[in-house]
Amino acid sequence: MSDLNAIGTQDNWICWLCDKPVDPDTSVNSDLGPSVDSFAATRVKKGVAAIERIAHRQCNTMKGKIAPVVPWSKDLLVVDPSPIFETVERLRKKGGREIIARCPDERDANNASEWLLDRLGRLAPELEFTTVVSSGGGQYVLALKIS
């Protein structure tokens, strides 16, 4: 396992799961204290490579009990948003593209696209994502794919 301070600095002390700041001065025994989370993310010739990320202790612990929930911003107007973490994991394994949300107008879809790409840059920095906004049926559909 790597040095907590090195991983925290690498991730700008932002929890990769909840996207909220992690205070490096908080006790590691506190629920909101820093912890290093290792997860298998990329396949290599001899197995799976682990990636280490900074997380709140509570977020890291809960991830072991239930699937992580990466929340959509409350500032976005999206309808039927897909679970971000699960969508990223499916695309990581299978590739392709997947519809991730619907929006009532193009501006909302573009705002959601911009926010999502920024959030995915912290959630899965080893992957490069693109989004596609398309109109249909009086709404705009936001699709996500790995580049």
N, C-alpha and C. Protein backbone atom coordinates (compact mmCIF):
# COMPACT_ATOMS: atom_id res chain seq x y z
N MET A 1 0.84 -1.17 0.00
CA MET A 1 0.00 0.00 0.00
C MET A 1 0.88 1.24 0.00
N SER A 2 0.47 2.24 -0.73
CA SER A 2 1.24 3.47 -0.85
C SER A 2 1.04 4.39 0.34
N ASP A 3 1.84 5.43 0.37
CA ASP A 3 1.78 6.45 1.40
C ASP A 3 0.47 7.24 1.28
N LEU A 4 -0.24 7.39 2.38
CA LEU A 4 -1.51 8.09 2.42
C LEU A 4 -1.38 9.52 1.87
N ASN A 5 -0.32 10.21 2.26
CA ASN A 5 -0.13 11.59 1.79
C ASN A 5 0.11 11.66 0.29
N ALA A 6 0.84 10.70 -0.25
CA ALA A 6 1.10 10.69 -1.69
C ALA A 6 -0.19 10.46 -2.48
N ILE A 7 -1.01 9.52 -2.01
CA ILE A 7 -2.28 9.24 -2.69
C ILE A 7 -3.22 10.43 -2.54
N GLY A 8 -3.27 11.02 -1.35
CA GLY A 8 -4.11 12.20 -1.13
C GLY A 8 -3.73 13.35 -2.03
N THR A 9 -2.45 13.60 -2.15
CA THR A 9 -1.97 14.67 -3.03
C THR A 9 -2.30 14.36 -4.49
N GLN A 10 -2.13 13.12 -4.88
CA GLN A 10 -2.45 12.69 -6.25
C GLN A 10 -3.91 12.99 -6.58
N ASP A 11 -4.81 12.78 -5.62
CA ASP A 11 -6.25 12.97 -5.84
C ASP A 11 -6.76 14.32 -5.34
N ASN A 12 -5.84 15.23 -5.01
CA ASN A 12 -6.20 16.57 -4.51
C ASN A 12 -7.09 16.51 -3.27
N TRP A 13 -6.93 15.45 -2.49
CA TRP A 13 -7.68 15.25 -1.25
C TRP A 13 -9.19 15.33 -1.48
N ILE A 14 -9.64 14.73 -2.59
CA ILE A 14 -11.06 14.62 -2.91
C ILE A 14 -11.41 13.13 -2.91
N CYS A 15 -12.42 12.74 -2.15
CA CYS A 15 -12.84 11.34 -2.09
C CYS A 15 -13.31 10.90 -3.47
N TRP A 16 -12.76 9.82 -3.98
CA TRP A 16 -13.10 9.37 -5.32
C TRP A 16 -14.52 8.83 -5.39
N LEU A 17 -15.11 8.49 -4.26
CA LEU A 17 -16.46 7.95 -4.25
C LEU A 17 -17.53 9.02 -4.12
N CYS A 18 -17.42 9.88 -3.11
CA CYS A 18 -18.48 10.88 -2.89
C CYS A 18 -18.13 12.24 -3.48
N ASP A 19 -16.90 12.43 -3.94
CA ASP A 19 -16.46 13.67 -4.58
C ASP A 19 -16.45 14.87 -3.63
N LYS A 20 -16.30 14.60 -2.33
CA LYS A 20 -16.23 15.67 -1.33
C LYS A 20 -14.82 15.71 -0.77
N PRO A 21 -14.41 16.87 -0.24
CA PRO A 21 -13.04 16.99 0.29
C PRO A 21 -12.77 16.04 1.45
N VAL A 22 -11.54 15.56 1.50
CA VAL A 22 -11.06 14.73 2.60
C VAL A 22 -10.04 15.58 3.35
N ASP A 23 -10.24 15.77 4.64
CA ASP A 23 -9.32 16.56 5.45
C ASP A 23 -8.14 15.69 5.86
N PRO A 24 -6.94 16.03 5.38
CA PRO A 24 -5.78 15.19 5.70
C PRO A 24 -5.40 15.22 7.17
N ASP A 25 -5.90 16.22 7.91
CA ASP A 25 -5.56 16.34 9.33
C ASP A 25 -6.54 15.61 10.24
N THR A 26 -7.62 15.06 9.68
CA THR A 26 -8.58 14.30 10.46
C THR A 26 -7.98 12.93 10.78
N SER A 27 -8.31 12.42 11.94
CA SER A 27 -7.81 11.10 12.36
C SER A 27 -8.25 10.03 11.36
N VAL A 28 -7.37 9.11 11.05
CA VAL A 28 -7.71 8.01 10.15
C VAL A 28 -8.76 7.08 10.76
N ASN A 29 -9.00 7.21 12.08
CA ASN A 29 -10.02 6.40 12.75
C ASN A 29 -11.40 7.04 12.70
N SER A 30 -11.47 8.29 12.25
CA SER A 30 -12.75 8.99 12.12
C SER A 30 -13.46 8.54 10.85
N ASP A 31 -14.79 8.56 10.85
CA ASP A 31 -15.54 8.20 9.65
C ASP A 31 -15.16 9.07 8.46
N LEU A 32 -14.90 10.35 8.71
CA LEU A 32 -14.53 11.26 7.62
C LEU A 32 -13.02 11.40 7.46
N GLY A 33 -12.28 10.57 8.15
CA GLY A 33 -10.83 10.56 8.02
C GLY A 33 -10.38 9.95 6.71
N PRO A 34 -9.14 10.21 6.31
CA PRO A 34 -8.63 9.70 5.04
C PRO A 34 -8.29 8.22 5.11
N SER A 35 -8.50 7.54 3.99
CA SER A 35 -8.06 6.15 3.84
C SER A 35 -7.69 5.93 2.38
N VAL A 36 -6.85 4.95 2.16
CA VAL A 36 -6.46 4.59 0.80
C VAL A 36 -7.32 3.41 0.38
N ASP A 37 -7.99 3.55 -0.74
CA ASP A 37 -8.83 2.49 -1.27
C ASP A 37 -8.14 1.88 -2.48
N SER A 38 -7.97 0.58 -2.45
CA SER A 38 -7.40 -0.13 -3.60
C SER A 38 -8.53 -0.88 -4.28
N PHE A 39 -8.61 -0.75 -5.59
CA PHE A 39 -9.61 -1.52 -6.31
C PHE A 39 -9.03 -1.99 -7.62
N ALA A 40 -9.47 -3.15 -8.07
CA ALA A 40 -9.00 -3.73 -9.31
C ALA A 40 -9.67 -3.02 -10.45
N ALA A 41 -8.88 -2.39 -11.31
CA ALA A 41 -9.48 -1.57 -12.34
C ALA A 41 -9.05 -1.91 -13.75
N THR A 42 -7.83 -2.32 -13.93
CA THR A 42 -7.37 -2.55 -15.29
C THR A 42 -6.79 -3.95 -15.43
N ARG A 43 -7.04 -4.56 -16.52
CA ARG A 43 -6.49 -5.88 -16.79
C ARG A 43 -5.10 -5.74 -17.40
N VAL A 44 -4.19 -6.53 -16.91
CA VAL A 44 -2.84 -6.59 -17.45
C VAL A 44 -2.55 -8.04 -17.79
N LYS A 45 -1.41 -8.31 -18.40
CA LYS A 45 -1.10 -9.66 -18.87
C LYS A 45 -1.17 -10.71 -17.77
N LYS A 46 -0.76 -10.39 -16.57
CA LYS A 46 -0.71 -11.39 -15.49
C LYS A 46 -1.76 -11.11 -14.42
N GLY A 47 -2.96 -10.72 -14.81
CA GLY A 47 -4.01 -10.51 -13.82
C GLY A 47 -4.62 -9.13 -13.92
N VAL A 48 -4.91 -8.56 -12.77
CA VAL A 48 -5.58 -7.27 -12.70
C VAL A 48 -4.73 -6.32 -11.87
N ALA A 49 -4.54 -5.12 -12.38
CA ALA A 49 -3.75 -4.12 -11.67
C ALA A 49 -4.66 -3.35 -10.72
N ALA A 50 -4.18 -3.10 -9.53
CA ALA A 50 -4.94 -2.34 -8.54
C ALA A 50 -4.58 -0.86 -8.66
N ILE A 51 -5.59 -0.04 -8.49
CA ILE A 51 -5.40 1.40 -8.49
C ILE A 51 -5.73 1.89 -7.09
N GLU A 52 -4.90 2.75 -6.54
CA GLU A 52 -5.14 3.28 -5.21
C GLU A 52 -5.65 4.70 -5.30
N ARG A 53 -6.71 4.98 -4.54
CA ARG A 53 -7.37 6.28 -4.55
C ARG A 53 -7.64 6.70 -3.11
N ILE A 54 -7.78 8.01 -2.89
CA ILE A 54 -8.11 8.51 -1.57
C ILE A 54 -9.64 8.45 -1.39
N ALA A 55 -10.06 8.09 -0.19
CA ALA A 55 -11.48 8.02 0.12
C ALA A 55 -11.68 8.31 1.60
N HIS A 56 -12.86 8.78 1.95
CA HIS A 56 -13.20 8.87 3.37
C HIS A 56 -13.23 7.44 3.91
N ARG A 57 -12.89 7.28 5.14
CA ARG A 57 -12.91 5.95 5.75
C ARG A 57 -14.31 5.34 5.64
N GLN A 58 -15.34 6.15 5.89
CA GLN A 58 -16.72 5.67 5.83
C GLN A 58 -17.10 5.25 4.41
N CYS A 59 -16.73 6.05 3.41
CA CYS A 59 -17.03 5.69 2.01
C CYS A 59 -16.34 4.40 1.63
N ASN A 60 -15.10 4.25 2.05
CA ASN A 60 -14.32 3.07 1.75
C ASN A 60 -14.94 1.83 2.42
N THR A 61 -15.35 1.97 3.67
CA THR A 61 -15.96 0.86 4.40
C THR A 61 -17.29 0.46 3.78
N MET A 62 -18.12 1.45 3.45
CA MET A 62 -19.43 1.17 2.86
C MET A 62 -19.30 0.49 1.51
N LYS A 63 -18.25 0.83 0.76
CA LYS A 63 -18.03 0.22 -0.55
C LYS A 63 -17.87 -1.29 -0.43
N GLY A 64 -17.35 -1.75 0.70
CA GLY A 64 -17.20 -3.17 0.92
C GLY A 64 -18.52 -3.87 1.23
N LYS A 65 -19.51 -3.12 1.69
CA LYS A 65 -20.79 -3.70 2.06
C LYS A 65 -21.81 -3.62 0.94
N ILE A 66 -21.85 -2.47 0.28
CA ILE A 66 -22.82 -2.24 -0.80
C ILE A 66 -22.10 -1.60 -1.98
N ALA A 67 -22.69 -1.70 -3.15
CA ALA A 67 -22.09 -1.07 -4.33
C ALA A 67 -22.00 0.44 -4.11
N PRO A 68 -20.90 1.07 -4.50
CA PRO A 68 -20.75 2.51 -4.31
C PRO A 68 -21.80 3.28 -5.11
N VAL A 69 -22.24 4.38 -4.55
CA VAL A 69 -23.17 5.27 -5.24
C VAL A 69 -22.45 6.58 -5.49
N VAL A 70 -22.31 6.93 -6.75
CA VAL A 70 -21.71 8.20 -7.13
C VAL A 70 -22.88 9.10 -7.52
N PRO A 71 -23.22 10.08 -6.66
CA PRO A 71 -24.42 10.87 -6.90
C PRO A 71 -24.29 11.85 -8.05
N TRP A 72 -25.41 12.07 -8.74
CA TRP A 72 -25.50 13.11 -9.76
C TRP A 72 -25.62 14.45 -9.02
N SER A 73 -25.12 15.51 -9.63
CA SER A 73 -25.23 16.84 -9.04
C SER A 73 -26.69 17.25 -8.95
N LYS A 74 -27.05 17.84 -7.84
CA LYS A 74 -28.42 18.34 -7.66
C LYS A 74 -28.68 19.58 -8.51
N ASP A 75 -27.62 20.17 -9.06
CA ASP A 75 -27.76 21.37 -9.90
C ASP A 75 -28.15 21.03 -11.34
N LEU A 76 -28.15 19.75 -11.68
CA LEU A 76 -28.46 19.33 -13.06
C LEU A 76 -29.92 18.95 -13.19
N LEU A 77 -30.47 19.21 -14.37
CA LEU A 77 -31.83 18.78 -14.66
C LEU A 77 -31.74 17.56 -15.57
N VAL A 78 -31.73 16.38 -14.94
CA VAL A 78 -31.67 15.12 -15.68
C VAL A 78 -32.85 14.25 -15.26
N VAL A 79 -33.35 13.48 -16.21
CA VAL A 79 -34.48 12.59 -15.98
C VAL A 79 -33.97 11.15 -16.14
N ASP A 80 -34.39 10.29 -15.25
CA ASP A 80 -33.99 8.88 -15.29
C ASP A 80 -32.48 8.70 -15.41
N PRO A 81 -31.69 9.32 -14.52
CA PRO A 81 -30.24 9.13 -14.63
C PRO A 81 -29.85 7.70 -14.26
N SER A 82 -28.91 7.16 -15.00
CA SER A 82 -28.39 5.82 -14.70
C SER A 82 -27.39 5.92 -13.55
N PRO A 83 -27.20 4.85 -12.80
CA PRO A 83 -26.18 4.84 -11.76
C PRO A 83 -24.79 4.99 -12.40
N ILE A 84 -24.07 5.99 -11.99
CA ILE A 84 -22.78 6.32 -12.63
C ILE A 84 -21.76 5.21 -12.43
N PHE A 85 -21.58 4.74 -11.20
CA PHE A 85 -20.55 3.75 -10.92
C PHE A 85 -20.77 2.47 -11.71
N GLU A 86 -22.00 1.97 -11.71
CA GLU A 86 -22.31 0.73 -12.42
C GLU A 86 -22.14 0.89 -13.92
N THR A 87 -22.53 2.04 -14.45
CA THR A 87 -22.37 2.30 -15.89
C THR A 87 -20.90 2.29 -16.27
N VAL A 88 -20.07 2.93 -15.47
CA VAL A 88 -18.63 2.96 -15.74
C VAL A 88 -18.05 1.54 -15.69
N GLU A 89 -18.46 0.76 -14.72
CA GLU A 89 -17.95 -0.62 -14.61
C GLU A 89 -18.38 -1.47 -15.81
N ARG A 90 -19.63 -1.32 -16.27
CA ARG A 90 -20.07 -2.08 -17.45
C ARG A 90 -19.28 -1.66 -18.69
N LEU A 91 -19.09 -0.34 -18.88
CA LEU A 91 -18.33 0.13 -20.04
C LEU A 91 -16.87 -0.31 -19.96
N ARG A 92 -16.33 -0.34 -18.76
CA ARG A 92 -14.94 -0.78 -18.58
C ARG A 92 -14.77 -2.23 -19.03
N LYS A 93 -15.74 -3.07 -18.72
CA LYS A 93 -15.66 -4.50 -19.05
C LYS A 93 -16.04 -4.80 -20.49
N LYS A 94 -17.09 -4.15 -20.99
CA LYS A 94 -17.64 -4.52 -22.29
C LYS A 94 -17.42 -3.51 -23.40
N GLY A 95 -17.09 -2.27 -23.05
CA GLY A 95 -16.95 -1.23 -24.08
C GLY A 95 -18.30 -0.80 -24.61
N GLY A 96 -18.32 -0.23 -25.78
CA GLY A 96 -19.56 0.23 -26.38
C GLY A 96 -19.98 1.57 -25.84
N ARG A 97 -21.27 1.84 -25.92
CA ARG A 97 -21.80 3.07 -25.37
C ARG A 97 -23.11 2.78 -24.68
N GLU A 98 -23.48 3.65 -23.76
CA GLU A 98 -24.67 3.42 -22.97
C GLU A 98 -25.37 4.75 -22.70
N ILE A 99 -26.69 4.75 -22.82
CA ILE A 99 -27.45 5.95 -22.48
C ILE A 99 -27.44 6.09 -20.97
N ILE A 100 -27.10 7.28 -20.51
CA ILE A 100 -26.93 7.48 -19.07
C ILE A 100 -27.95 8.45 -18.48
N ALA A 101 -28.60 9.29 -19.33
CA ALA A 101 -29.61 10.22 -18.81
C ALA A 101 -30.41 10.82 -19.95
N ARG A 102 -31.56 11.36 -19.59
CA ARG A 102 -32.37 12.14 -20.51
C ARG A 102 -32.51 13.54 -19.94
N CYS A 103 -32.61 14.54 -20.82
CA CYS A 103 -32.75 15.93 -20.39
C CYS A 103 -33.84 16.60 -21.21
N PRO A 104 -34.57 17.58 -20.62
CA PRO A 104 -35.66 18.21 -21.34
C PRO A 104 -35.22 19.13 -22.48
N ASP A 105 -34.02 19.72 -22.38
CA ASP A 105 -33.55 20.56 -23.49
C ASP A 105 -32.05 20.39 -23.69
N GLU A 106 -31.59 20.92 -24.81
CA GLU A 106 -30.19 20.72 -25.21
C GLU A 106 -29.21 21.36 -24.23
N ARG A 107 -29.56 22.52 -23.70
CA ARG A 107 -28.67 23.20 -22.75
C ARG A 107 -28.47 22.33 -21.50
N ASP A 108 -29.57 21.76 -20.99
CA ASP A 108 -29.46 20.87 -19.82
C ASP A 108 -28.60 19.65 -20.14
N ALA A 109 -28.77 19.09 -21.33
CA ALA A 109 -27.98 17.93 -21.73
C ALA A 109 -26.50 18.27 -21.84
N ASN A 110 -26.19 19.43 -22.39
CA ASN A 110 -24.79 19.85 -22.49
C ASN A 110 -24.19 20.12 -21.12
N ASN A 111 -24.98 20.72 -20.21
CA ASN A 111 -24.50 20.94 -18.84
C ASN A 111 -24.24 19.61 -18.14
N ALA A 112 -25.15 18.65 -18.31
CA ALA A 112 -24.97 17.32 -17.71
C ALA A 112 -23.74 16.63 -18.29
N SER A 113 -23.54 16.77 -19.59
CA SER A 113 -22.39 16.16 -20.26
C SER A 113 -21.09 16.73 -19.71
N GLU A 114 -21.02 18.04 -19.58
CA GLU A 114 -19.80 18.70 -19.08
C GLU A 114 -19.52 18.26 -17.63
N TRP A 115 -20.56 18.24 -16.79
CA TRP A 115 -20.39 17.84 -15.40
C TRP A 115 -19.93 16.38 -15.33
N LEU A 116 -20.59 15.51 -16.11
CA LEU A 116 -20.28 14.08 -16.07
C LEU A 116 -18.84 13.80 -16.48
N LEU A 117 -18.37 14.44 -17.54
CA LEU A 117 -16.98 14.22 -17.98
C LEU A 117 -15.99 14.68 -16.92
N ASP A 118 -16.29 15.81 -16.26
CA ASP A 118 -15.43 16.29 -15.19
C ASP A 118 -15.42 15.30 -14.03
N ARG A 119 -16.59 14.81 -13.64
CA ARG A 119 -16.69 13.87 -12.52
C ARG A 119 -16.00 12.54 -12.84
N LEU A 120 -16.14 12.07 -14.06
CA LEU A 120 -15.50 10.81 -14.45
C LEU A 120 -13.99 10.94 -14.50
N GLY A 121 -13.50 12.15 -14.74
CA GLY A 121 -12.06 12.38 -14.71
C GLY A 121 -11.47 12.10 -13.34
N ARG A 122 -12.28 12.27 -12.29
CA ARG A 122 -11.82 11.95 -10.93
C ARG A 122 -12.21 10.53 -10.53
N LEU A 123 -13.33 10.05 -11.00
CA LEU A 123 -13.78 8.71 -10.65
C LEU A 123 -12.92 7.63 -11.32
N ALA A 124 -12.64 7.80 -12.59
CA ALA A 124 -11.87 6.80 -13.35
C ALA A 124 -10.84 7.51 -14.23
N PRO A 125 -9.80 8.07 -13.60
CA PRO A 125 -8.83 8.85 -14.38
C PRO A 125 -8.04 8.05 -15.40
N GLU A 126 -8.03 6.71 -15.25
CA GLU A 126 -7.29 5.87 -16.19
C GLU A 126 -8.05 5.66 -17.49
N LEU A 127 -9.32 6.06 -17.54
CA LEU A 127 -10.15 5.89 -18.74
C LEU A 127 -10.44 7.24 -19.37
N GLU A 128 -10.66 7.23 -20.67
CA GLU A 128 -11.02 8.46 -21.38
C GLU A 128 -12.44 8.29 -21.93
N PHE A 129 -13.33 9.16 -21.49
CA PHE A 129 -14.74 9.09 -21.86
C PHE A 129 -15.11 10.19 -22.83
N THR A 130 -16.13 9.93 -23.63
CA THR A 130 -16.77 10.95 -24.44
C THR A 130 -18.28 10.79 -24.26
N THR A 131 -18.98 11.87 -24.49
CA THR A 131 -20.43 11.83 -24.41
C THR A 131 -21.01 12.24 -25.75
N VAL A 132 -22.22 11.78 -26.00
CA VAL A 132 -22.94 12.12 -27.22
C VAL A 132 -24.32 12.60 -26.78
N VAL A 133 -24.70 13.80 -27.23
CA VAL A 133 -26.02 14.34 -26.96
C VAL A 133 -26.81 14.26 -28.25
N SER A 134 -27.97 13.60 -28.21
CA SER A 134 -28.80 13.50 -29.40
C SER A 134 -30.26 13.79 -29.04
N SER A 135 -30.98 14.36 -30.01
CA SER A 135 -32.38 14.70 -29.75
C SER A 135 -33.28 13.60 -30.27
N GLY A 136 -34.45 13.52 -29.66
CA GLY A 136 -35.43 12.54 -30.11
C GLY A 136 -36.62 12.50 -29.17
N GLY A 137 -37.79 12.50 -29.73
CA GLY A 137 -38.99 12.39 -28.92
C GLY A 137 -39.23 13.57 -28.00
N GLY A 138 -38.78 14.76 -28.39
CA GLY A 138 -39.00 15.95 -27.56
C GLY A 138 -38.07 16.06 -26.37
N GLN A 139 -37.00 15.29 -26.36
CA GLN A 139 -36.04 15.36 -25.28
C GLN A 139 -34.63 15.14 -25.84
N TYR A 140 -33.65 15.25 -25.00
CA TYR A 140 -32.26 15.04 -25.39
C TYR A 140 -31.69 13.90 -24.56
N VAL A 141 -31.04 12.98 -25.25
CA VAL A 141 -30.48 11.80 -24.62
C VAL A 141 -28.97 11.98 -24.50
N LEU A 142 -28.44 11.64 -23.34
CA LEU A 142 -27.01 11.72 -23.08
C LEU A 142 -26.45 10.31 -23.03
N ALA A 143 -25.55 10.00 -23.95
CA ALA A 143 -24.91 8.69 -24.00
C ALA A 143 -23.45 8.83 -23.62
N LEU A 144 -22.91 7.81 -23.00
CA LEU A 144 -21.52 7.79 -22.54
C LEU A 144 -20.81 6.62 -23.19
N LYS A 145 -19.56 6.87 -23.62
CA LYS A 145 -18.74 5.78 -24.14
C LYS A 145 -17.29 6.02 -23.80
N ILE A 146 -16.54 4.92 -23.78
CA ILE A 146 -15.09 5.01 -23.55
C ILE A 146 -14.45 5.27 -24.89
N SER A 147 -13.60 6.28 -24.94
CA SER A 147 -12.94 6.64 -26.21
C SER A 147 -11.93 5.62 -26.62
